[in-house]
Amino acid sequence: MVAEVFGGIAALKSAFDIAKGLKDIDDRARLNAAIIDLQEQILSAQSAQANLVESEGELKKRVAQLEAWEAEKQRYQLTEIGPAIFCYMLKSDMAAGEPIHRLCANCYTDGKKAFLQQTVHADSVDEFTCNRCNEKLRIPKRVSRPTRANTNWVV
């Protein structure tokens, strides 16, 4: 982008120098050649300017996306959902009518909002799967110790 700026400035300077030199040209053929050269320099400057405008638009769009993601990130909190297994969970005070849900930590770090879908298994494991990167988090169901009144394990 910086190179395009300097290219545009150089093209405009060349065009100005050519225009200054036109007043001293008396030969018609040289005058026509100088006019053609001047037109080429003007077109080059216009092209550089159009590229800059396009780049500026793309940068503004990217900044807006990053700002929106920063605002969205504030709604979530890193949560441990199993032993050393983490995800981002919607803060209850930020729900604004949405159900509490979990986001994949990997995708969140990449700046993407990807939901974890829970699958309940009959065995002693719950599984959460990212709907974007297909990461699978397997979490053992909590097992409580038997109490004195009840010697059965509770799963």
Foldseek 3Di string as FASTA:
>chain_A
DVVLVVLLVVLVVVLVVLVVCLVVDDDPVVNVVSVVSSVVSVVSNVVSVVVVVVVVVVVVVVVVLVVVLVVVVVQWDWDDPAVVDIWTWGDPVSCPPPDIFTAHPVVVVVSHGWTWDWDDDPPQWIWTATPPPRDIDIHGHDWDQADPVGRDIDD
